[in-house]
Amino acid sequence: MNWHPINSLDQLEQIKGASFITPQVIFKHSTTCSISRMAFDRFERAETPEKVDFHYLDLLNFRAISNEIATFFQVHHESPQVILIKNGECIYDESHYGIMMDELISFL
């Protein structure tokens, strides 16, 4: 998995713009949460779909960005959470035990 770390608010506009060409996935990860670690590890072990960009947000270090993601893409904040952006909009989000690569792929 080739993760692109999110560490500035400016990246949200870039992710939105890129989503018109390539689907964008944001994984919001709490590094101290065992459920988040399990979901992250599942993604790491799964076969990565082609032509999708994966972004990683360390929720504990970038809480303000996490809050802005919820507002910017109009999704309820969860942790852990996976968000799929296509054509500038969130078309899928899931959290906790519901985070599965197979289900995400079905929305691509």
Foldseek 3Di string as FASTA:
>chain_A
DDAAEDDDLVVLVVQLVCQQPAKEKEWEAAPVDPLRVVLVVQVVPDDDDPRYHYYYYHCVVCVVSQVVCCVQQVHDRDHGKMFIHHNRHTPDMDDGPPRHPVVVVVVD
